[in-house]
Amino acid sequence: PYVIQPKIYSSKINLSIMWVLFGILAGSTLFGPWGMVIAM
């Protein structure tokens, strides 16, 4: 997650783990399991 994936993902869409986890938590709260999938 910290060496390989940042090289795979371009700088345009690189996101910090804080925002990713926040998105997953918000998505699951609002839309359930599918919210975790569409969060990113």
PDB file of all heavy atoms in Angstrom:
ATOM      1  N   PRO A   1       0.790  -1.242   0.000  1.00  0.00           N
ATOM      2  CA  PRO A   1       0.000   0.000   0.000  1.00  0.00           C
ATOM      3  C   PRO A   1       0.816   1.283   0.000  1.00  0.00           C
ATOM      4  O   PRO A   1       0.334   2.323  -0.453  1.00  0.00           O
ATOM      5  CB  PRO A   1      -0.837  -0.116   1.280  1.00  0.00           C
ATOM      6  CG  PRO A   1      -0.054  -0.994   2.173  1.00  0.00           C
ATOM      7  CD  PRO A   1       0.696  -1.937   1.289  1.00  0.00           C
ATOM      8  N   TYR A   2       2.073   1.232   0.497  1.00  0.00           N
ATOM      9  CA  TYR A   2       2.835   2.466   0.649  1.00  0.00           C
ATOM     10  C   TYR A   2       3.985   2.613  -0.344  1.00  0.00           C
ATOM     11  O   TYR A   2       4.554   3.706  -0.466  1.00  0.00           O
ATOM     12  CB  TYR A   2       3.385   2.559   2.074  1.00  0.00           C
ATOM     13  CG  TYR A   2       2.311   2.546   3.120  1.00  0.00           C
ATOM     14  CD1 TYR A   2       2.176   1.475   3.999  1.00  0.00           C
ATOM     15  CD2 TYR A   2       1.405   3.597   3.225  1.00  0.00           C
ATOM     16  CE1 TYR A   2       1.167   1.457   4.959  1.00  0.00           C
ATOM     17  CE2 TYR A   2       0.398   3.583   4.177  1.00  0.00           C
ATOM     18  CZ  TYR A   2       0.289   2.516   5.046  1.00  0.00           C
ATOM     19  OH  TYR A   2      -0.716   2.490   5.984  1.00  0.00           O
ATOM     20  N   VAL A   3       4.347   1.536  -1.048  1.00  0.00           N
ATOM     21  CA  VAL A   3       5.444   1.614  -2.019  1.00  0.00           C
ATOM     22  C   VAL A   3       4.955   1.288  -3.430  1.00  0.00           C
ATOM     23  O   VAL A   3       5.143   2.082  -4.367  1.00  0.00           O
ATOM     24  CB  VAL A   3       6.591   0.650  -1.630  1.00  0.00           C
ATOM     25  CG1 VAL A   3       7.704   0.709  -2.683  1.00  0.00           C
ATOM     26  CG2 VAL A   3       7.151   0.998  -0.261  1.00  0.00           C
ATOM     27  N   ILE A   4       4.293   0.132  -3.578  1.00  0.00           N
ATOM     28  CA  ILE A   4       3.889  -0.315  -4.913  1.00  0.00           C
ATOM     29  C   ILE A   4       2.668   0.450  -5.415  1.00  0.00           C
ATOM     30  O   ILE A   4       2.674   0.987  -6.531  1.00  0.00           O
ATOM     31  CB  ILE A   4       3.611  -1.838  -4.907  1.00  0.00           C
ATOM     32  CG1 ILE A   4       4.897  -2.604  -4.558  1.00  0.00           C
ATOM     33  CG2 ILE A   4       3.072  -2.290  -6.258  1.00  0.00           C
ATOM     34  CD1 ILE A   4       4.718  -4.098  -4.465  1.00  0.00           C
ATOM     35  N   GLN A   5       1.604   0.500  -4.612  1.00  0.00           N
ATOM     36  CA  GLN A   5       0.378   1.143  -5.075  1.00  0.00           C
ATOM     37  C   GLN A   5       0.525   2.628  -5.381  1.00  0.00           C
ATOM     38  O   GLN A   5      -0.043   3.109  -6.365  1.00  0.00           O
ATOM     39  CB  GLN A   5      -0.750   0.903  -4.070  1.00  0.00           C
ATOM     40  CG  GLN A   5      -1.263  -0.527  -4.098  1.00  0.00           C
ATOM     41  CD  GLN A   5      -2.462  -0.744  -3.211  1.00  0.00           C
ATOM     42  OE1 GLN A   5      -2.826   0.117  -2.409  1.00  0.00           O
ATOM     43  NE2 GLN A   5      -3.092  -1.905  -3.335  1.00  0.00           N
ATOM     44  N   PRO A   6       1.289   3.416  -4.577  1.00  0.00           N
ATOM     45  CA  PRO A   6       1.490   4.817  -4.971  1.00  0.00           C
ATOM     46  C   PRO A   6       2.160   4.973  -6.333  1.00  0.00           C
ATOM     47  O   PRO A   6       1.950   5.970  -7.022  1.00  0.00           O
ATOM     48  CB  PRO A   6       2.376   5.369  -3.852  1.00  0.00           C
ATOM     49  CG  PRO A   6       2.043   4.535  -2.676  1.00  0.00           C
ATOM     50  CD  PRO A   6       1.811   3.157  -3.237  1.00  0.00           C
ATOM     51  N   LYS A   7       2.991   3.996  -6.722  1.00  0.00           N
ATOM     52  CA  LYS A   7       3.611   4.052  -8.046  1.00  0.00           C
ATOM     53  C   LYS A   7       2.611   3.658  -9.136  1.00  0.00           C
ATOM     54  O   LYS A   7       2.718   4.109 -10.278  1.00  0.00           O
ATOM     55  CB  LYS A   7       4.830   3.130  -8.092  1.00  0.00           C
ATOM     56  CG  LYS A   7       5.975   3.575  -7.180  1.00  0.00           C
ATOM     57  CD  LYS A   7       7.177   2.661  -7.319  1.00  0.00           C
ATOM     58  CE  LYS A   7       8.315   3.105  -6.389  1.00  0.00           C
ATOM     59  NZ  LYS A   7       8.807   4.461  -6.719  1.00  0.00           N
ATOM     60  N   ILE A   8       1.662   2.777  -8.780  1.00  0.00           N
ATOM     61  CA  ILE A   8       0.635   2.370  -9.747  1.00  0.00           C
ATOM     62  C   ILE A   8      -0.345   3.512  -9.983  1.00  0.00           C
ATOM     63  O   ILE A   8      -0.669   3.851 -11.119  1.00  0.00           O
ATOM     64  CB  ILE A   8      -0.107   1.111  -9.251  1.00  0.00           C
ATOM     65  CG1 ILE A   8       0.868  -0.081  -9.169  1.00  0.00           C
ATOM     66  CG2 ILE A   8      -1.263   0.767 -10.185  1.00  0.00           C
ATOM     67  CD1 ILE A   8       0.253  -1.321  -8.553  1.00  0.00           C
ATOM     68  N   TYR A   9      -0.804   4.108  -8.885  1.00  0.00           N
ATOM     69  CA  TYR A   9      -1.753   5.210  -9.005  1.00  0.00           C
ATOM     70  C   TYR A   9      -1.000   6.482  -9.385  1.00  0.00           C
ATOM     71  O   TYR A   9       0.052   6.786  -8.820  1.00  0.00           O
ATOM     72  CB  TYR A   9      -2.496   5.439  -7.690  1.00  0.00           C
ATOM     73  CG  TYR A   9      -3.517   4.381  -7.377  1.00  0.00           C
ATOM     74  CD1 TYR A   9      -3.160   3.170  -6.789  1.00  0.00           C
ATOM     75  CD2 TYR A   9      -4.855   4.576  -7.665  1.00  0.00           C
ATOM     76  CE1 TYR A   9      -4.094   2.191  -6.505  1.00  0.00           C
ATOM     77  CE2 TYR A   9      -5.807   3.608  -7.386  1.00  0.00           C
ATOM     78  CZ  TYR A   9      -5.410   2.421  -6.801  1.00  0.00           C
ATOM     79  OH  TYR A   9      -6.349   1.454  -6.525  1.00  0.00           O
ATOM     80  N   SER A  10      -1.544   7.204 -10.323  1.00  0.00           N
ATOM     81  CA  SER A  10      -0.897   8.438 -10.765  1.00  0.00           C
ATOM     82  C   SER A  10      -1.040   9.508  -9.698  1.00  0.00           C
ATOM     83  O   SER A  10      -1.856   9.410  -8.784  1.00  0.00           O
ATOM     84  CB  SER A  10      -1.532   8.930 -12.069  1.00  0.00           C
ATOM     85  OG  SER A  10      -2.858   9.359 -11.838  1.00  0.00           O
ATOM     86  N   SER A  11      -0.240  10.556  -9.832  1.00  0.00           N
ATOM     87  CA  SER A  11      -0.285  11.644  -8.855  1.00  0.00           C
ATOM     88  C   SER A  11      -1.626  12.362  -8.875  1.00  0.00           C
ATOM     89  O   SER A  11      -2.027  12.997  -7.910  1.00  0.00           O
ATOM     90  CB  SER A  11       0.840  12.641  -9.144  1.00  0.00           C
ATOM     91  OG  SER A  11       0.709  13.161 -10.461  1.00  0.00           O
ATOM     92  N   LYS A  12      -2.360  12.254  -9.996  1.00  0.00           N
ATOM     93  CA  LYS A  12      -3.650  12.938 -10.100  1.00  0.00           C
ATOM     94  C   LYS A  12      -4.679  12.355  -9.143  1.00  0.00           C
ATOM     95  O   LYS A  12      -5.567  13.054  -8.674  1.00  0.00           O
ATOM     96  CB  LYS A  12      -4.183  12.836 -11.532  1.00  0.00           C
ATOM     97  CG  LYS A  12      -3.398  13.643 -12.542  1.00  0.00           C
ATOM     98  CD  LYS A  12      -4.053  13.545 -13.903  1.00  0.00           C
ATOM     99  CE  LYS A  12      -3.296  14.359 -14.942  1.00  0.00           C
ATOM    100  NZ  LYS A  12      -3.922  14.269 -16.277  1.00  0.00           N
ATOM    101  N   ILE A  13      -4.598  11.071  -8.883  1.00  0.00           N
ATOM    102  CA  ILE A  13      -5.631  10.436  -8.062  1.00  0.00           C
ATOM    103  C   ILE A  13      -5.075   9.853  -6.771  1.00  0.00           C
ATOM    104  O   ILE A  13      -5.758   9.122  -6.076  1.00  0.00           O
ATOM    105  CB  ILE A  13      -6.349   9.323  -8.852  1.00  0.00           C
ATOM    106  CG1 ILE A  13      -5.347   8.273  -9.342  1.00  0.00           C
ATOM    107  CG2 ILE A  13      -7.113   9.896 -10.013  1.00  0.00           C
ATOM    108  CD1 ILE A  13      -5.991   7.105 -10.021  1.00  0.00           C
ATOM    109  N   ASN A  14      -3.804  10.189  -6.461  1.00  0.00           N
ATOM    110  CA  ASN A  14      -3.216   9.672  -5.239  1.00  0.00           C
ATOM    111  C   ASN A  14      -3.881  10.331  -4.035  1.00  0.00           C
ATOM    112  O   ASN A  14      -3.967  11.552  -3.948  1.00  0.00           O
ATOM    113  CB  ASN A  14      -1.715   9.941  -5.220  1.00  0.00           C
ATOM    114  CG  ASN A  14      -1.032   9.239  -4.061  1.00  0.00           C
ATOM    115  OD1 ASN A  14      -1.482   8.192  -3.606  1.00  0.00           O
ATOM    116  ND2 ASN A  14       0.043   9.810  -3.582  1.00  0.00           N
ATOM    117  N   LEU A  15      -4.375   9.532  -3.097  1.00  0.00           N
ATOM    118  CA  LEU A  15      -5.104  10.041  -1.944  1.00  0.00           C
ATOM    119  C   LEU A  15      -4.463   9.534  -0.662  1.00  0.00           C
ATOM    120  O   LEU A  15      -3.965   8.407  -0.607  1.00  0.00           O
ATOM    121  CB  LEU A  15      -6.567   9.601  -1.996  1.00  0.00           C
ATOM    122  CG  LEU A  15      -7.410  10.172  -3.143  1.00  0.00           C
ATOM    123  CD1 LEU A  15      -8.706   9.389  -3.257  1.00  0.00           C
ATOM    124  CD2 LEU A  15      -7.706  11.628  -2.924  1.00  0.00           C
ATOM    125  N   SER A  16      -4.492  10.364   0.369  1.00  0.00           N
ATOM    126  CA  SER A  16      -3.947   9.952   1.653  1.00  0.00           C
ATOM    127  C   SER A  16      -4.860   8.918   2.293  1.00  0.00           C
ATOM    128  O   SER A  16      -6.062   8.858   2.015  1.00  0.00           O
ATOM    129  CB  SER A  16      -3.809  11.159   2.589  1.00  0.00           C
ATOM    130  OG  SER A  16      -5.086  11.669   2.925  1.00  0.00           O
ATOM    131  N   ILE A  17      -4.283   8.111   3.175  1.00  0.00           N
ATOM    132  CA  ILE A  17      -5.061   7.055   3.832  1.00  0.00           C
ATOM    133  C   ILE A  17      -6.185   7.651   4.680  1.00  0.00           C
ATOM    134  O   ILE A  17      -7.248   7.037   4.826  1.00  0.00           O
ATOM    135  CB  ILE A  17      -4.124   6.179   4.708  1.00  0.00           C
ATOM    136  CG1 ILE A  17      -4.916   5.022   5.325  1.00  0.00           C
ATOM    137  CG2 ILE A  17      -3.452   6.996   5.782  1.00  0.00           C
ATOM    138  CD1 ILE A  17      -4.045   4.025   6.056  1.00  0.00           C
ATOM    139  N   MET A  18      -5.980   8.868   5.211  1.00  0.00           N
ATOM    140  CA  MET A  18      -7.023   9.494   6.025  1.00  0.00           C
ATOM    141  C   MET A  18      -8.291   9.716   5.209  1.00  0.00           C
ATOM    142  O   MET A  18      -9.396   9.385   5.656  1.00  0.00           O
ATOM    143  CB  MET A  18      -6.519  10.834   6.568  1.00  0.00           C
ATOM    144  CG  MET A  18      -7.543  11.540   7.453  1.00  0.00           C
ATOM    145  SD  MET A  18      -7.055  13.216   7.907  1.00  0.00           S
ATOM    146  CE  MET A  18      -7.242  14.057   6.319  1.00  0.00           C
ATOM    147  N   TRP A  19      -8.139  10.248   3.988  1.00  0.00           N
ATOM    148  CA  TRP A  19      -9.305  10.516   3.148  1.00  0.00           C
ATOM    149  C   TRP A  19      -9.947   9.222   2.656  1.00  0.00           C
ATOM    150  O   TRP A  19     -11.161   9.128   2.524  1.00  0.00           O
ATOM    151  CB  TRP A  19      -8.913  11.391   1.961  1.00  0.00           C
ATOM    152  CG  TRP A  19      -8.706  12.814   2.362  1.00  0.00           C
ATOM    153  CD1 TRP A  19      -7.523  13.499   2.409  1.00  0.00           C
ATOM    154  CD2 TRP A  19      -9.711  13.743   2.793  1.00  0.00           C
ATOM    155  NE1 TRP A  19      -7.731  14.785   2.842  1.00  0.00           N
ATOM    156  CE2 TRP A  19      -9.064  14.963   3.078  1.00  0.00           C
ATOM    157  CE3 TRP A  19     -11.095  13.655   2.958  1.00  0.00           C
ATOM    158  CZ2 TRP A  19      -9.748  16.091   3.520  1.00  0.00           C
ATOM    159  CZ3 TRP A  19     -11.782  14.767   3.398  1.00  0.00           C
ATOM    160  CH2 TRP A  19     -11.118  15.967   3.682  1.00  0.00           C
ATOM    161  N   VAL A  20      -9.109   8.220   2.383  1.00  0.00           N
ATOM    162  CA  VAL A  20      -9.650   6.933   1.933  1.00  0.00           C
ATOM    163  C   VAL A  20     -10.498   6.303   3.027  1.00  0.00           C
ATOM    164  O   VAL A  20     -11.632   5.864   2.793  1.00  0.00           O
ATOM    165  CB  VAL A  20      -8.511   5.981   1.517  1.00  0.00           C
ATOM    166  CG1 VAL A  20      -9.054   4.590   1.230  1.00  0.00           C
ATOM    167  CG2 VAL A  20      -7.792   6.517   0.283  1.00  0.00           C
ATOM    168  N   LEU A  21      -9.975   6.257   4.246  1.00  0.00           N
ATOM    169  CA  LEU A  21     -10.714   5.664   5.362  1.00  0.00           C
ATOM    170  C   LEU A  21     -11.961   6.479   5.689  1.00  0.00           C
ATOM    171  O   LEU A  21     -13.017   5.916   6.023  1.00  0.00           O
ATOM    172  CB  LEU A  21      -9.809   5.555   6.593  1.00  0.00           C
ATOM    173  CG  LEU A  21      -8.635   4.579   6.463  1.00  0.00           C
ATOM    174  CD1 LEU A  21      -7.790   4.597   7.729  1.00  0.00           C
ATOM    175  CD2 LEU A  21      -9.124   3.172   6.172  1.00  0.00           C
ATOM    176  N   PHE A  22     -11.856   7.806   5.602  1.00  0.00           N
ATOM    177  CA  PHE A  22     -13.027   8.653   5.827  1.00  0.00           C
ATOM    178  C   PHE A  22     -14.109   8.359   4.788  1.00  0.00           C
ATOM    179  O   PHE A  22     -15.298   8.265   5.117  1.00  0.00           O
ATOM    180  CB  PHE A  22     -12.631  10.128   5.765  1.00  0.00           C
ATOM    181  CG  PHE A  22     -13.819  11.061   5.771  1.00  0.00           C
ATOM    182  CD1 PHE A  22     -14.495  11.327   6.948  1.00  0.00           C
ATOM    183  CD2 PHE A  22     -14.251  11.653   4.594  1.00  0.00           C
ATOM    184  CE1 PHE A  22     -15.595  12.180   6.949  1.00  0.00           C
ATOM    185  CE2 PHE A  22     -15.346  12.501   4.589  1.00  0.00           C
ATOM    186  CZ  PHE A  22     -16.019  12.770   5.773  1.00  0.00           C
ATOM    187  N   GLY A  23     -13.690   8.208   3.521  1.00  0.00           N
ATOM    188  CA  GLY A  23     -14.649   7.910   2.454  1.00  0.00           C
ATOM    189  C   GLY A  23     -15.322   6.567   2.653  1.00  0.00           C
ATOM    190  O   GLY A  23     -16.535   6.431   2.440  1.00  0.00           O
ATOM    191  N   ILE A  24     -14.540   5.570   3.056  1.00  0.00           N
ATOM    192  CA  ILE A  24     -15.107   4.237   3.301  1.00  0.00           C
ATOM    193  C   ILE A  24     -16.111   4.282   4.446  1.00  0.00           C
ATOM    194  O   ILE A  24     -17.205   3.711   4.363  1.00  0.00           O
ATOM    195  CB  ILE A  24     -13.979   3.232   3.605  1.00  0.00           C
ATOM    196  CG1 ILE A  24     -13.116   3.013   2.353  1.00  0.00           C
ATOM    197  CG2 ILE A  24     -14.551   1.897   4.073  1.00  0.00           C
ATOM    198  CD1 ILE A  24     -11.868   2.208   2.621  1.00  0.00           C
ATOM    199  N   LEU A  25     -15.752   4.978   5.531  1.00  0.00           N
ATOM    200  CA  LEU A  25     -16.642   5.081   6.692  1.00  0.00           C
ATOM    201  C   LEU A  25     -17.921   5.833   6.328  1.00  0.00           C
ATOM    202  O   LEU A  25     -19.033   5.394   6.662  1.00  0.00           O
ATOM    203  CB  LEU A  25     -15.926   5.788   7.840  1.00  0.00           C
ATOM    204  CG  LEU A  25     -16.732   5.998   9.129  1.00  0.00           C
ATOM    205  CD1 LEU A  25     -17.148   4.661   9.715  1.00  0.00           C
ATOM    206  CD2 LEU A  25     -15.923   6.796  10.146  1.00  0.00           C
ATOM    207  N   ALA A  26     -17.772   6.954   5.611  1.00  0.00           N
ATOM    208  CA  ALA A  26     -18.948   7.743   5.215  1.00  0.00           C
ATOM    209  C   ALA A  26     -19.825   6.956   4.247  1.00  0.00           C
ATOM    210  O   ALA A  26     -21.059   6.959   4.354  1.00  0.00           O
ATOM    211  CB  ALA A  26     -18.501   9.059   4.579  1.00  0.00           C
ATOM    212  N   GLY A  27     -19.187   6.268   3.292  1.00  0.00           N
ATOM    213  CA  GLY A  27     -19.950   5.483   2.318  1.00  0.00           C
ATOM    214  C   GLY A  27     -20.725   4.355   2.964  1.00  0.00           C
ATOM    215  O   GLY A  27     -21.895   4.123   2.636  1.00  0.00           O
ATOM    216  N   SER A  28     -20.088   3.661   3.897  1.00  0.00           N
ATOM    217  CA  SER A  28     -20.777   2.551   4.575  1.00  0.00           C
ATOM    218  C   SER A  28     -21.912   3.062   5.452  1.00  0.00           C
ATOM    219  O   SER A  28     -22.950   2.411   5.583  1.00  0.00           O
ATOM    220  CB  SER A  28     -19.779   1.758   5.424  1.00  0.00           C
ATOM    221  OG  SER A  28     -19.240   2.574   6.460  1.00  0.00           O
ATOM    222  N   THR A  29     -21.735   4.229   6.059  1.00  0.00           N
ATOM    223  CA  THR A  29     -22.778   4.800   6.909  1.00  0.00           C
ATOM    224  C   THR A  29     -23.996   5.232   6.099  1.00  0.00           C
ATOM    225  O   THR A  29     -25.142   5.010   6.502  1.00  0.00           O
ATOM    226  CB  THR A  29     -22.229   6.012   7.687  1.00  0.00           C
ATOM    227  OG1 THR A  29     -21.103   5.597   8.467  1.00  0.00           O
ATOM    228  CG2 THR A  29     -23.300   6.581   8.619  1.00  0.00           C
ATOM    229  N   LEU A  30     -23.738   5.831   4.938  1.00  0.00           N
ATOM    230  CA  LEU A  30     -24.829   6.371   4.128  1.00  0.00           C
ATOM    231  C   LEU A  30     -25.494   5.320   3.248  1.00  0.00           C
ATOM    232  O   LEU A  30     -26.715   5.310   3.090  1.00  0.00           O
ATOM    233  CB  LEU A  30     -24.305   7.518   3.249  1.00  0.00           C
ATOM    234  CG  LEU A  30     -23.821   8.764   3.994  1.00  0.00           C
ATOM    235  CD1 LEU A  30     -23.188   9.746   3.019  1.00  0.00           C
ATOM    236  CD2 LEU A  30     -24.981   9.432   4.727  1.00  0.00           C
ATOM    237  N   PHE A  31     -24.668   4.422   2.658  1.00  0.00           N
ATOM    238  CA  PHE A  31     -25.209   3.512   1.647  1.00  0.00           C
ATOM    239  C   PHE A  31     -24.961   2.036   1.945  1.00  0.00           C
ATOM    240  O   PHE A  31     -25.205   1.190   1.083  1.00  0.00           O
ATOM    241  CB  PHE A  31     -24.610   3.851   0.269  1.00  0.00           C
ATOM    242  CG  PHE A  31     -24.804   5.289  -0.122  1.00  0.00           C
ATOM    243  CD1 PHE A  31     -23.731   6.159  -0.131  1.00  0.00           C
ATOM    244  CD2 PHE A  31     -26.058   5.769  -0.462  1.00  0.00           C
ATOM    245  CE1 PHE A  31     -23.891   7.491  -0.481  1.00  0.00           C
ATOM    246  CE2 PHE A  31     -26.230   7.091  -0.823  1.00  0.00           C
ATOM    247  CZ  PHE A  31     -25.152   7.960  -0.829  1.00  0.00           C
ATOM    248  N   GLY A  32     -24.428   1.716   3.130  1.00  0.00           N
ATOM    249  CA  GLY A  32     -24.208   0.315   3.477  1.00  0.00           C
ATOM    250  C   GLY A  32     -22.997  -0.267   2.762  1.00  0.00           C
ATOM    251  O   GLY A  32     -22.062   0.456   2.397  1.00  0.00           O
ATOM    252  N   PRO A  33     -22.998  -1.592   2.524  1.00  0.00           N
ATOM    253  CA  PRO A  33     -21.841  -2.246   1.888  1.00  0.00           C
ATOM    254  C   PRO A  33     -21.482  -1.670   0.529  1.00  0.00           C
ATOM    255  O   PRO A  33     -20.298  -1.526   0.200  1.00  0.00           O
ATOM    256  CB  PRO A  33     -22.300  -3.710   1.763  1.00  0.00           C
ATOM    257  CG  PRO A  33     -23.340  -3.878   2.824  1.00  0.00           C
ATOM    258  CD  PRO A  33     -24.035  -2.555   2.920  1.00  0.00           C
ATOM    259  N   TRP A  34     -22.500  -1.329  -0.292  1.00  0.00           N
ATOM    260  CA  TRP A  34     -22.205  -0.759  -1.605  1.00  0.00           C
ATOM    261  C   TRP A  34     -21.536   0.606  -1.480  1.00  0.00           C
ATOM    262  O   TRP A  34     -20.772   1.016  -2.364  1.00  0.00           O
ATOM    263  CB  TRP A  34     -23.480  -0.651  -2.438  1.00  0.00           C
ATOM    264  CG  TRP A  34     -23.900  -1.955  -3.023  1.00  0.00           C
ATOM    265  CD1 TRP A  34     -24.981  -2.703  -2.660  1.00  0.00           C
ATOM    266  CD2 TRP A  34     -23.246  -2.694  -4.060  1.00  0.00           C
ATOM    267  NE1 TRP A  34     -25.044  -3.862  -3.406  1.00  0.00           N
ATOM    268  CE2 TRP A  34     -23.991  -3.885  -4.273  1.00  0.00           C
ATOM    269  CE3 TRP A  34     -22.092  -2.472  -4.818  1.00  0.00           C
ATOM    270  CZ2 TRP A  34     -23.625  -4.839  -5.211  1.00  0.00           C
ATOM    271  CZ3 TRP A  34     -21.726  -3.424  -5.758  1.00  0.00           C
ATOM    272  CH2 TRP A  34     -22.488  -4.586  -5.946  1.00  0.00           C
ATOM    273  N   GLY A  35     -21.806   1.318  -0.389  1.00  0.00           N
ATOM    274  CA  GLY A  35     -21.157   2.603  -0.176  1.00  0.00           C
ATOM    275  C   GLY A  35     -19.661   2.477  -0.007  1.00  0.00           C
ATOM    276  O   GLY A  35     -18.895   3.355  -0.425  1.00  0.00           O
ATOM    277  N   MET A  36     -19.214   1.361   0.600  1.00  0.00           N
ATOM    278  CA  MET A  36     -17.777   1.116   0.740  1.00  0.00           C
ATOM    279  C   MET A  36     -17.138   0.853  -0.617  1.00  0.00           C
ATOM    280  O   MET A  36     -15.972   1.187  -0.837  1.00  0.00           O
ATOM    281  CB  MET A  36     -17.555  -0.070   1.678  1.00  0.00           C
ATOM    282  CG  MET A  36     -18.149   0.118   3.067  1.00  0.00           C
ATOM    283  SD  MET A  36     -17.972  -1.338   4.131  1.00  0.00           S
ATOM    284  CE  MET A  36     -16.215  -1.296   4.483  1.00  0.00           C
ATOM    285  N   VAL A  37     -17.900   0.261  -1.531  1.00  0.00           N
ATOM    286  CA  VAL A  37     -17.378  -0.056  -2.859  1.00  0.00           C
ATOM    287  C   VAL A  37     -17.234   1.203  -3.721  1.00  0.00           C
ATOM    288  O   VAL A  37     -16.235   1.392  -4.415  1.00  0.00           O
ATOM    289  CB  VAL A  37     -18.287  -1.084  -3.565  1.00  0.00           C
ATOM    290  CG1 VAL A  37     -17.822  -1.327  -5.001  1.00  0.00           C
ATOM    291  CG2 VAL A  37     -18.303  -2.402  -2.779  1.00  0.00           C
ATOM    292  N   ILE A  38     -18.259   2.074  -3.653  1.00  0.00           N
ATOM    293  CA  ILE A  38     -18.242   3.272  -4.505  1.00  0.00           C
ATOM    294  C   ILE A  38     -17.510   4.437  -3.849  1.00  0.00           C
ATOM    295  O   ILE A  38     -17.405   5.517  -4.454  1.00  0.00           O
ATOM    296  CB  ILE A  38     -19.671   3.711  -4.871  1.00  0.00           C
ATOM    297  CG1 ILE A  38     -20.439   4.162  -3.615  1.00  0.00           C
ATOM    298  CG2 ILE A  38     -20.417   2.601  -5.586  1.00  0.00           C
ATOM    299  CD1 ILE A  38     -21.800   4.744  -3.902  1.00  0.00           C
ATOM    300  N   ALA A  39     -16.986   4.245  -2.635  1.00  0.00           N
ATOM    301  CA  ALA A  39     -16.344   5.348  -1.914  1.00  0.00           C
ATOM    302  C   ALA A  39     -15.165   5.917  -2.697  1.00  0.00           C
ATOM    303  O   ALA A  39     -15.055   7.137  -2.875  1.00  0.00           O
ATOM    304  CB  ALA A  39     -15.893   4.877  -0.530  1.00  0.00           C
ATOM    305  N   MET A  40     -14.263   5.047  -3.174  1.00  0.00           N
ATOM    306  CA  MET A  40     -13.064   5.524  -3.869  1.00  0.00           C
ATOM    307  C   MET A  40     -13.393   6.291  -5.149  1.00  0.00           C
ATOM    308  O   MET A  40     -12.862   7.387  -5.363  1.00  0.00           O
ATOM    309  CB  MET A  40     -12.121   4.358  -4.151  1.00  0.00           C
ATOM    310  CG  MET A  40     -11.214   4.002  -2.993  1.00  0.00           C
ATOM    311  SD  MET A  40     -10.094   5.352  -2.541  1.00  0.00           S
ATOM    312  CE  MET A  40      -9.011   5.360  -3.965  1.00  0.00           C
TER     313      MET A  40
END
